Amino acid sequence: MAEKPILAYFKSPEQAKKALDRMKSEFEVIESGIDRFDGYPGAGYDPNNPITGDIPSLGSITLNGNFGSNSGILAASSVDASGMSSGGPGNMVSGVDILLTAIVQEENGPRAMQIAQECGAI
């Protein structure tokens, strides 16, 4: 049987989870994942004590990325790293940064996309 990959972008993990649960209730989902993504590499830096810890760069702590010294300097110049920007309501990030990836049987592909869109996917 042929498989169909589904990629759907959401504003929240809850929307993506709701879509995935609906898909699973209607047909078999062969493989799936829900991930947050951004424009920075790596899983970030998590110091025990940021005041006395060895912090590679401001971008490592505020952008949750893994940077070398040069790229860390460039990333720290971002308004997102400095805190000098305003997000959406409640000063939260207002972008679409949640990705639902699912693999379904080809005949279920159109229904999977319809479910994703009904749950808020773009």
C-alpha atoms as a PDB file:
ATOM      1  CA  MET A   1       0.000   0.000   0.000  1.00  0.00           C
ATOM      2  CA  ALA A   2       1.157   3.526  -0.756  1.00  0.00           C
ATOM      3  CA  GLU A   3       1.705   5.963   2.070  1.00  0.00           C
ATOM      4  CA  LYS A   4       0.985   9.687   2.258  1.00  0.00           C
ATOM      5  CA  PRO A   5       3.039  12.112   4.399  1.00  0.00           C
ATOM      6  CA  ILE A   6       1.087  14.885   6.132  1.00  0.00           C
ATOM      7  CA  LEU A   7       2.760  18.102   7.323  1.00  0.00           C
ATOM      8  CA  ALA A   8       0.501  20.566   9.138  1.00  0.00           C
ATOM      9  CA  TYR A   9       1.500  23.728  11.017  1.00  0.00           C
ATOM     10  CA  PHE A  10      -0.330  24.878  14.155  1.00  0.00           C
ATOM     11  CA  LYS A  11      -0.195  27.702  16.698  1.00  0.00           C
ATOM     12  CA  SER A  12      -0.291  25.380  19.727  1.00  0.00           C
ATOM     13  CA  PRO A  13       0.644  21.799  20.637  1.00  0.00           C
ATOM     14  CA  GLU A  14      -2.932  21.281  21.860  1.00  0.00           C
ATOM     15  CA  GLN A  15      -4.338  21.959  18.378  1.00  0.00           C
ATOM     16  CA  ALA A  16      -1.894  19.481  16.824  1.00  0.00           C
ATOM     17  CA  LYS A  17      -2.667  16.842  19.462  1.00  0.00           C
ATOM     18  CA  LYS A  18      -6.398  17.243  18.892  1.00  0.00           C
ATOM     19  CA  ALA A  19      -5.906  16.764  15.133  1.00  0.00           C
ATOM     20  CA  LEU A  20      -3.703  13.707  15.651  1.00  0.00           C
ATOM     21  CA  ASP A  21      -6.187  12.155  18.091  1.00  0.00           C
ATOM     22  CA  ARG A  22      -9.026  12.665  15.590  1.00  0.00           C
ATOM     23  CA  MET A  23      -6.962  11.082  12.819  1.00  0.00           C
ATOM     24  CA  LYS A  24      -6.152   8.084  15.020  1.00  0.00           C
ATOM     25  CA  SER A  25      -9.823   7.659  15.888  1.00  0.00           C
ATOM     26  CA  GLU A  26     -10.845   7.507  12.200  1.00  0.00           C
ATOM     27  CA  PHE A  27      -8.012   5.564  10.557  1.00  0.00           C
ATOM     28  CA  GLU A  28      -4.568   4.091  11.121  1.00  0.00           C
ATOM     29  CA  VAL A  29      -1.725   6.573  11.530  1.00  0.00           C
ATOM     30  CA  ILE A  30       1.453   4.694  10.630  1.00  0.00           C
ATOM     31  CA  GLU A  31       3.871   7.179  12.204  1.00  0.00           C
ATOM     32  CA  SER A  32       3.435  10.598  13.793  1.00  0.00           C
ATOM     33  CA  GLY A  33       5.178  13.347  15.681  1.00  0.00           C
ATOM     34  CA  ILE A  34       4.460  16.798  17.086  1.00  0.00           C
ATOM     35  CA  ASP A  35       7.439  19.141  17.310  1.00  0.00           C
ATOM     36  CA  ARG A  36       8.149  22.799  18.023  1.00  0.00           C
ATOM     37  CA  PHE A  37      10.600  24.372  15.622  1.00  0.00           C
ATOM     38  CA  ASP A  38      12.383  27.678  15.226  1.00  0.00           C
ATOM     39  CA  GLY A  39      15.137  29.227  13.191  1.00  0.00           C
ATOM     40  CA  TYR A  40      17.969  28.310  15.537  1.00  0.00           C
ATOM     41  CA  PRO A  41      20.033  25.096  15.619  1.00  0.00           C
ATOM     42  CA  GLY A  42      20.211  22.611  18.459  1.00  0.00           C
ATOM     43  CA  ALA A  43      18.400  21.957  21.702  1.00  0.00           C
ATOM     44  CA  GLY A  44      19.799  24.988  23.509  1.00  0.00           C
ATOM     45  CA  TYR A  45      21.646  25.568  26.717  1.00  0.00           C
ATOM     46  CA  ASP A  46      20.288  24.922  30.213  1.00  0.00           C
ATOM     47  CA  PRO A  47      22.661  26.155  32.931  1.00  0.00           C
ATOM     48  CA  ASN A  48      22.132  25.281  36.585  1.00  0.00           C
ATOM     49  CA  ASN A  49      23.054  28.797  37.613  1.00  0.00           C
ATOM     50  CA  PRO A  50      23.143  31.369  34.791  1.00  0.00           C
ATOM     51  CA  ILE A  51      24.894  33.957  36.994  1.00  0.00           C
ATOM     52  CA  THR A  52      27.976  31.829  37.700  1.00  0.00           C
ATOM     53  CA  GLY A  53      27.677  29.285  34.891  1.00  0.00           C
ATOM     54  CA  ASP A  54      29.652  29.133  31.666  1.00  0.00           C
ATOM     55  CA  ILE A  55      27.265  30.706  29.168  1.00  0.00           C
ATOM     56  CA  PRO A  56      28.406  30.484  25.533  1.00  0.00           C
ATOM     57  CA  SER A  57      26.296  33.478  24.436  1.00  0.00           C
ATOM     58  CA  LEU A  58      23.129  35.423  25.174  1.00  0.00           C
ATOM     59  CA  GLY A  59      21.504  33.635  22.243  1.00  0.00           C
ATOM     60  CA  SER A  60      22.213  30.259  23.840  1.00  0.00           C
ATOM     61  CA  ILE A  61      20.152  31.139  26.893  1.00  0.00           C
ATOM     62  CA  THR A  62      17.369  33.266  25.427  1.00  0.00           C
ATOM     63  CA  LEU A  63      16.896  31.626  22.019  1.00  0.00           C
ATOM     64  CA  ASN A  64      17.466  28.048  23.167  1.00  0.00           C
ATOM     65  CA  GLY A  65      19.991  27.385  20.403  1.00  0.00           C
ATOM     66  CA  ASN A  66      23.495  25.931  20.111  1.00  0.00           C
ATOM     67  CA  PHE A  67      25.804  28.596  18.716  1.00  0.00           C
ATOM     68  CA  GLY A  68      29.500  29.001  18.106  1.00  0.00           C
ATOM     69  CA  SER A  69      31.140  32.251  19.209  1.00  0.00           C
ATOM     70  CA  ASN A  70      30.521  34.140  15.955  1.00  0.00           C
ATOM     71  CA  SER A  71      26.994  32.883  15.366  1.00  0.00           C
ATOM     72  CA  GLY A  72      26.218  33.489  19.064  1.00  0.00           C
ATOM     73  CA  ILE A  73      27.097  37.161  18.685  1.00  0.00           C
ATOM     74  CA  LEU A  74      24.907  37.453  15.613  1.00  0.00           C
ATOM     75  CA  ALA A  75      22.000  35.623  17.281  1.00  0.00           C
ATOM     76  CA  ALA A  76      22.252  37.856  20.371  1.00  0.00           C
ATOM     77  CA  SER A  77      21.584  40.886  18.174  1.00  0.00           C
ATOM     78  CA  SER A  78      18.088  39.548  17.447  1.00  0.00           C
ATOM     79  CA  VAL A  79      15.264  41.417  19.177  1.00  0.00           C
ATOM     80  CA  ASP A  80      14.022  38.012  20.339  1.00  0.00           C
ATOM     81  CA  ALA A  81      17.257  37.444  22.291  1.00  0.00           C
ATOM     82  CA  SER A  82      17.363  40.866  23.896  1.00  0.00           C
ATOM     83  CA  GLY A  83      13.780  40.894  25.097  1.00  0.00           C
ATOM     84  CA  MET A  84      13.211  44.208  23.345  1.00  0.00           C
ATOM     85  CA  SER A  85      10.344  42.883  21.283  1.00  0.00           C
ATOM     86  CA  SER A  86       6.711  42.347  22.012  1.00  0.00           C
ATOM     87  CA  GLY A  87       4.864  39.175  21.155  1.00  0.00           C
ATOM     88  CA  GLY A  88       1.153  38.696  20.862  1.00  0.00           C
ATOM     89  CA  PRO A  89      -1.436  38.912  23.647  1.00  0.00           C
ATOM     90  CA  GLY A  90       0.165  38.356  27.046  1.00  0.00           C
ATOM     91  CA  ASN A  91       3.557  38.940  25.406  1.00  0.00           C
ATOM     92  CA  MET A  92       3.528  35.344  24.140  1.00  0.00           C
ATOM     93  CA  VAL A  93       5.061  34.187  20.869  1.00  0.00           C
ATOM     94  CA  SER A  94       2.411  34.650  18.210  1.00  0.00           C
ATOM     95  CA  GLY A  95       3.825  32.571  15.380  1.00  0.00           C
ATOM     96  CA  VAL A  96       2.906  29.200  13.946  1.00  0.00           C
ATOM     97  CA  ASP A  97       5.723  27.045  15.306  1.00  0.00           C
ATOM     98  CA  ILE A  98       4.189  23.617  15.905  1.00  0.00           C
ATOM     99  CA  LEU A  99       4.578  20.935  13.227  1.00  0.00           C
ATOM    100  CA  LEU A 100       2.405  17.833  13.089  1.00  0.00           C
ATOM    101  CA  THR A 101       3.972  15.148  10.931  1.00  0.00           C
ATOM    102  CA  ALA A 102       1.923  12.051  10.159  1.00  0.00           C
ATOM    103  CA  ILE A 103       2.182   9.176   7.727  1.00  0.00           C
ATOM    104  CA  VAL A 104      -1.125   7.621   6.695  1.00  0.00           C
ATOM    105  CA  GLN A 105      -2.340   5.296   3.963  1.00  0.00           C
ATOM    106  CA  GLU A 106      -2.675   7.177   0.682  1.00  0.00           C
ATOM    107  CA  GLU A 107      -6.470   6.858   0.590  1.00  0.00           C
ATOM    108  CA  ASN A 108      -6.679   8.588   4.014  1.00  0.00           C
ATOM    109  CA  GLY A 109      -4.510  11.542   2.981  1.00  0.00           C
ATOM    110  CA  PRO A 110      -7.308  13.942   1.966  1.00  0.00           C
ATOM    111  CA  ARG A 111      -9.276  13.220   5.151  1.00  0.00           C
ATOM    112  CA  ALA A 112      -6.151  13.692   7.292  1.00  0.00           C
ATOM    113  CA  MET A 113      -5.569  17.129   5.737  1.00  0.00           C
ATOM    114  CA  GLN A 114      -9.235  18.026   6.251  1.00  0.00           C
ATOM    115  CA  ILE A 115      -9.018  17.073   9.937  1.00  0.00           C
ATOM    116  CA  ALA A 116      -5.827  19.117  10.362  1.00  0.00           C
ATOM    117  CA  GLN A 117      -7.464  22.192   8.814  1.00  0.00           C
ATOM    118  CA  GLU A 118     -10.604  21.767  10.959  1.00  0.00           C
ATOM    119  CA  CYS A 119      -8.343  21.757  14.040  1.00  0.00           C
ATOM    120  CA  GLY A 120      -6.623  25.012  13.070  1.00  0.00           C
ATOM    121  CA  ALA A 121      -3.762  24.031  10.744  1.00  0.00           C
ATOM    122  CA  ILE A 122      -2.615  26.416   8.070  1.00  0.00           C
END
